[in-house]
């Protein structure tokens, strides 16, 4: 069964939107100018700030014109990423191996200069 979450974004600080699967995303530009947004995996401690240390961008600087909406259907790329037994790994260039990354969450924000957007997340 699908679940729908909504959020209003109003600045470029990251918002922790949790660990539930994202199976669809709609971002509507409610500002009077072009906006852009980011979706990433990162440490929950990044929420409320703009730092991207050790963040893994999923969508970066997606531009949305005034009066337009961006719709993304992830084709289950992100489904199950936080379920028991699943892992999210990051490539370590020093060891030439993937290393499991624990404690991540989904983070969402508007880019600098973008002031408002309405977001609908379809979740599972």
Protein backbone atom coordinates (compact mmCIF):
# COMPACT_ATOMS: atom_id res chain seq x y z
CA UNK A 1 0.00 0.00 0.00
CA UNK A 2 1.36 3.42 -0.93
CA UNK A 3 1.67 6.32 1.47
CA UNK A 4 1.85 10.03 0.61
CA UNK A 5 3.84 12.57 2.63
CA UNK A 6 3.87 16.32 1.94
CA UNK A 7 6.34 19.02 2.96
CA UNK A 8 6.76 22.72 2.28
CA UNK A 9 10.37 23.75 1.66
CA UNK A 10 11.35 27.34 2.34
CA UNK A 11 15.15 27.66 2.34
CA UNK A 12 18.41 25.87 1.53
CA UNK A 13 18.76 24.00 4.83
CA UNK A 14 18.44 20.23 4.54
CA UNK A 15 15.28 18.62 5.90
CA UNK A 16 15.45 15.02 7.17
CA UNK A 17 12.54 13.30 5.40
CA UNK A 18 13.15 9.93 7.00
CA UNK A 19 14.12 6.47 5.88
CA UNK A 20 10.90 5.22 4.29
CA UNK A 21 11.16 4.17 0.65
CA UNK A 22 10.63 6.91 -1.92
CA UNK A 23 8.83 5.53 -4.96
CA UNK A 24 7.83 8.89 -6.42
CA UNK A 25 8.55 12.58 -5.91
CA UNK A 26 6.70 15.70 -7.06
CA UNK A 27 8.18 19.15 -6.48
CA UNK A 28 6.02 22.16 -7.40
CA UNK A 29 7.61 25.59 -7.75
CA UNK A 30 5.55 27.94 -5.57
CA UNK A 31 8.10 30.77 -5.88
CA UNK A 32 7.98 33.71 -8.31
CA UNK A 33 11.27 32.70 -9.96
CA UNK A 34 13.08 29.52 -11.04
CA UNK A 35 14.04 27.21 -8.16
CA UNK A 36 16.27 24.17 -7.85
CA UNK A 37 16.44 21.37 -5.29
CA UNK A 38 18.60 18.49 -4.06
CA UNK A 39 17.75 15.01 -2.75
CA UNK A 40 20.51 13.02 -1.08
CA UNK A 41 21.43 10.29 1.36
CA UNK A 42 23.32 11.58 4.36
CA UNK A 43 23.85 11.69 8.08
CA UNK A 44 20.73 12.94 9.92
CA UNK A 45 23.03 15.49 11.64
CA UNK A 46 23.15 17.39 8.32
CA UNK A 47 19.46 18.34 8.72
CA UNK A 48 18.96 22.01 9.51
CA UNK A 49 22.20 23.05 7.81
CA UNK A 50 23.76 23.33 4.37
CA UNK A 51 26.87 21.15 4.86
CA UNK A 52 27.17 18.20 2.45
CA UNK A 53 30.07 16.34 4.12
CA UNK A 54 29.95 12.64 3.15
CA UNK A 55 26.58 13.17 1.43
CA UNK A 56 25.53 11.05 -1.52
CA UNK A 57 23.47 13.09 -3.98
CA UNK A 58 20.60 11.31 -5.70
CA UNK A 59 19.26 14.40 -7.46
CA UNK A 60 21.39 17.57 -7.60
CA UNK A 61 20.41 21.12 -8.58
CA UNK A 62 17.22 20.09 -10.39
CA UNK A 63 15.89 23.32 -11.93
CA UNK A 64 12.14 24.01 -11.99
CA UNK A 65 10.77 27.03 -13.85
CA UNK A 66 8.14 29.34 -12.33
CA UNK A 67 4.71 27.70 -12.41
CA UNK A 68 6.17 24.28 -13.24
CA UNK A 69 6.37 20.93 -11.48
CA UNK A 70 9.07 18.25 -11.48
CA UNK A 71 7.86 14.65 -11.32
CA UNK A 72 10.23 11.77 -10.64
CA UNK A 73 9.34 8.09 -10.57
CA UNK A 74 12.39 6.28 -9.24
CA UNK A 75 11.55 2.94 -10.89
CA UNK A 76 12.27 1.30 -7.50
CA UNK A 77 15.93 2.37 -7.49
CA UNK A 78 15.56 3.51 -3.86
CA UNK A 79 13.09 0.84 -2.73
CA UNK A 80 14.29 -1.17 0.23
CA UNK A 81 17.50 0.80 0.75
CA UNK A 82 16.87 0.94 4.52
CA UNK A 83 15.13 -2.42 5.01
CA UNK A 84 16.68 -5.09 7.22
CA UNK A 85 19.49 -6.84 5.39
CA UNK A 86 19.95 -3.99 2.87
CA UNK A 87 23.14 -1.96 2.71
CA UNK A 88 24.17 1.40 1.30
CA UNK A 89 27.85 1.41 0.40
CA UNK A 90 30.32 4.14 -0.51
CA UNK A 91 33.44 3.56 -2.62
CA UNK A 92 36.65 4.29 -0.70
CA UNK A 93 39.39 5.37 -3.15
CA UNK A 94 42.10 4.66 -0.56
CA UNK A 95 41.23 0.97 -0.28
CA UNK A 96 39.58 0.50 -3.70
CA UNK A 97 36.58 -1.12 -2.03
CA UNK A 98 32.98 -0.37 -1.21
CA UNK A 99 32.35 0.24 2.49
CA UNK A 100 28.98 -0.11 4.16
CA UNK A 101 27.53 3.21 5.32
CA UNK A 102 25.23 3.09 8.33
CA UNK A 103 22.86 5.64 9.86
CA UNK A 104 21.89 7.40 6.62
CA UNK A 105 18.59 9.15 5.95
CA UNK A 106 17.01 10.94 2.99
CA UNK A 107 17.63 14.70 2.99
CA UNK A 108 15.87 17.28 0.82
CA UNK A 109 16.52 21.01 0.29
CA UNK A 110 16.15 23.93 -2.04
CA UNK A 111 19.34 25.41 -3.49
CA UNK A 112 20.59 28.84 -2.46
CA UNK A 113 18.33 31.59 -3.78
CA UNK A 114 15.29 29.30 -4.05
CA UNK A 115 12.68 30.21 -1.48
CA UNK A 116 9.54 28.04 -1.68
CA UNK A 117 8.35 24.69 -3.03
CA UNK A 118 5.64 22.14 -2.27
CA UNK A 119 6.80 18.53 -2.22
CA UNK A 120 4.77 15.32 -2.40
CA UNK A 121 6.53 12.03 -1.64
CA UNK A 122 4.92 8.74 -2.65
CA UNK A 123 6.23 6.12 -0.26
CA UNK A 124 5.90 2.44 0.35
